[in-house]
Amino acid sequence: MRRGVRHGGRARALYRYLTESLGALPAIGRIETAPIIRTVKRFGAVLPL
Protein backbone atom coordinates (compact mmCIF):
# COMPACT_ATOMS: atom_id res chain seq x y z
CA MET A 1 0.00 0.00 0.00
CA ARG A 2 1.36 3.43 -0.92
CA ARG A 3 2.06 5.97 1.81
CA GLY A 4 -0.61 8.61 2.11
CA VAL A 5 -3.31 6.35 0.70
CA ARG A 6 -3.91 4.46 3.92
CA HIS A 7 -4.21 7.71 5.87
CA GLY A 8 -6.48 9.41 3.34
CA GLY A 9 -9.40 9.63 5.76
CA ARG A 10 -7.21 11.32 8.35
CA ALA A 11 -5.94 13.81 5.78
CA ARG A 12 -9.52 14.69 4.78
CA ALA A 13 -10.52 15.07 8.43
CA LEU A 14 -7.51 17.32 9.07
CA TYR A 15 -8.37 19.44 6.03
CA ARG A 16 -11.98 19.83 7.20
CA TYR A 17 -10.81 20.76 10.71
CA LEU A 18 -8.36 23.36 9.42
CA THR A 19 -10.71 24.91 6.87
CA GLU A 20 -14.08 24.64 8.60
CA SER A 21 -13.33 24.78 12.33
CA LEU A 22 -10.17 26.86 12.64
CA GLY A 23 -10.71 28.77 9.41
CA ALA A 24 -14.11 29.93 10.61
CA LEU A 25 -12.58 31.79 13.56
CA PRO A 26 -12.37 35.54 12.85
CA ALA A 27 -8.92 35.87 14.48
CA ILE A 28 -7.38 33.25 12.15
CA GLY A 29 -6.27 34.74 8.85
CA ARG A 30 -3.86 32.06 7.68
CA ILE A 31 -3.00 28.46 8.60
CA GLU A 32 0.07 26.48 7.56
CA THR A 33 0.66 22.77 8.02
CA ALA A 34 3.56 20.45 7.21
CA PRO A 35 3.72 16.66 6.95
CA ILE A 36 5.93 14.66 9.29
CA ILE A 37 8.52 13.10 7.01
CA ARG A 38 10.35 11.06 9.64
CA THR A 39 9.92 10.20 13.30
CA VAL A 40 13.21 10.69 15.15
CA LYS A 41 12.34 9.24 18.55
CA ARG A 42 9.70 6.64 19.29
CA PHE A 43 8.93 3.75 21.60
CA GLY A 44 9.73 0.26 20.26
CA ALA A 45 12.02 -1.34 17.71
CA VAL A 46 13.41 0.70 14.84
CA LEU A 47 12.89 -0.88 11.43
CA PRO A 48 15.65 -0.56 8.80
CA LEU A 49 14.95 1.83 5.91
C-alpha atoms as a PDB file:
ATOM      1  CA  MET A   1       0.000   0.000   0.000  1.00  0.00           C
ATOM      2  CA  ARG A   2       1.362   3.427  -0.918  1.00  0.00           C
ATOM      3  CA  ARG A   3       2.056   5.973   1.809  1.00  0.00           C
ATOM      4  CA  GLY A   4      -0.615   8.614   2.115  1.00  0.00           C
ATOM      5  CA  VAL A   5      -3.311   6.355   0.704  1.00  0.00           C
ATOM      6  CA  ARG A   6      -3.911   4.456   3.924  1.00  0.00           C
ATOM      7  CA  HIS A   7      -4.211   7.710   5.875  1.00  0.00           C
ATOM      8  CA  GLY A   8      -6.476   9.411   3.340  1.00  0.00           C
ATOM      9  CA  GLY A   9      -9.398   9.632   5.762  1.00  0.00           C
ATOM     10  CA  ARG A  10      -7.211  11.319   8.346  1.00  0.00           C
ATOM     11  CA  ALA A  11      -5.944  13.807   5.779  1.00  0.00           C
ATOM     12  CA  ARG A  12      -9.516  14.690   4.781  1.00  0.00           C
ATOM     13  CA  ALA A  13     -10.515  15.073   8.428  1.00  0.00           C
ATOM     14  CA  LEU A  14      -7.508  17.318   9.075  1.00  0.00           C
ATOM     15  CA  TYR A  15      -8.367  19.438   6.025  1.00  0.00           C
ATOM     16  CA  ARG A  16     -11.978  19.830   7.201  1.00  0.00           C
ATOM     17  CA  TYR A  17     -10.812  20.762  10.706  1.00  0.00           C
ATOM     18  CA  LEU A  18      -8.359  23.364   9.418  1.00  0.00           C
ATOM     19  CA  THR A  19     -10.709  24.910   6.869  1.00  0.00           C
ATOM     20  CA  GLU A  20     -14.084  24.642   8.603  1.00  0.00           C
ATOM     21  CA  SER A  21     -13.325  24.783  12.333  1.00  0.00           C
ATOM     22  CA  LEU A  22     -10.169  26.865  12.640  1.00  0.00           C
ATOM     23  CA  GLY A  23     -10.713  28.773   9.407  1.00  0.00           C
ATOM     24  CA  ALA A  24     -14.115  29.932  10.606  1.00  0.00           C
ATOM     25  CA  LEU A  25     -12.576  31.791  13.560  1.00  0.00           C
ATOM     26  CA  PRO A  26     -12.369  35.541  12.851  1.00  0.00           C
ATOM     27  CA  ALA A  27      -8.920  35.872  14.480  1.00  0.00           C
ATOM     28  CA  ILE A  28      -7.381  33.251  12.153  1.00  0.00           C
ATOM     29  CA  GLY A  29      -6.271  34.743   8.850  1.00  0.00           C
ATOM     30  CA  ARG A  30      -3.857  32.064   7.675  1.00  0.00           C
ATOM     31  CA  ILE A  31      -3.000  28.463   8.596  1.00  0.00           C
ATOM     32  CA  GLU A  32       0.074  26.481   7.559  1.00  0.00           C
ATOM     33  CA  THR A  33       0.661  22.768   8.020  1.00  0.00           C
ATOM     34  CA  ALA A  34       3.564  20.451   7.214  1.00  0.00           C
ATOM     35  CA  PRO A  35       3.720  16.662   6.951  1.00  0.00           C
ATOM     36  CA  ILE A  36       5.931  14.658   9.287  1.00  0.00           C
ATOM     37  CA  ILE A  37       8.522  13.103   7.013  1.00  0.00           C
ATOM     38  CA  ARG A  38      10.354  11.060   9.637  1.00  0.00           C
ATOM     39  CA  THR A  39       9.916  10.201  13.299  1.00  0.00           C
ATOM     40  CA  VAL A  40      13.206  10.689  15.151  1.00  0.00           C
ATOM     41  CA  LYS A  41      12.338   9.235  18.549  1.00  0.00           C
ATOM     42  CA  ARG A  42       9.696   6.641  19.292  1.00  0.00           C
ATOM     43  CA  PHE A  43       8.930   3.748  21.597  1.00  0.00           C
ATOM     44  CA  GLY A  44       9.727   0.265  20.259  1.00  0.00           C
ATOM     45  CA  ALA A  45      12.018  -1.335  17.712  1.00  0.00           C
ATOM     46  CA  VAL A  46      13.407   0.705  14.836  1.00  0.00           C
ATOM     47  CA  LEU A  47      12.891  -0.876  11.426  1.00  0.00           C
ATOM     48  CA  PRO A  48      15.654  -0.557   8.805  1.00  0.00           C
ATOM     49  CA  LEU A  49      14.947   1.832   5.908  1.00  0.00           C
END
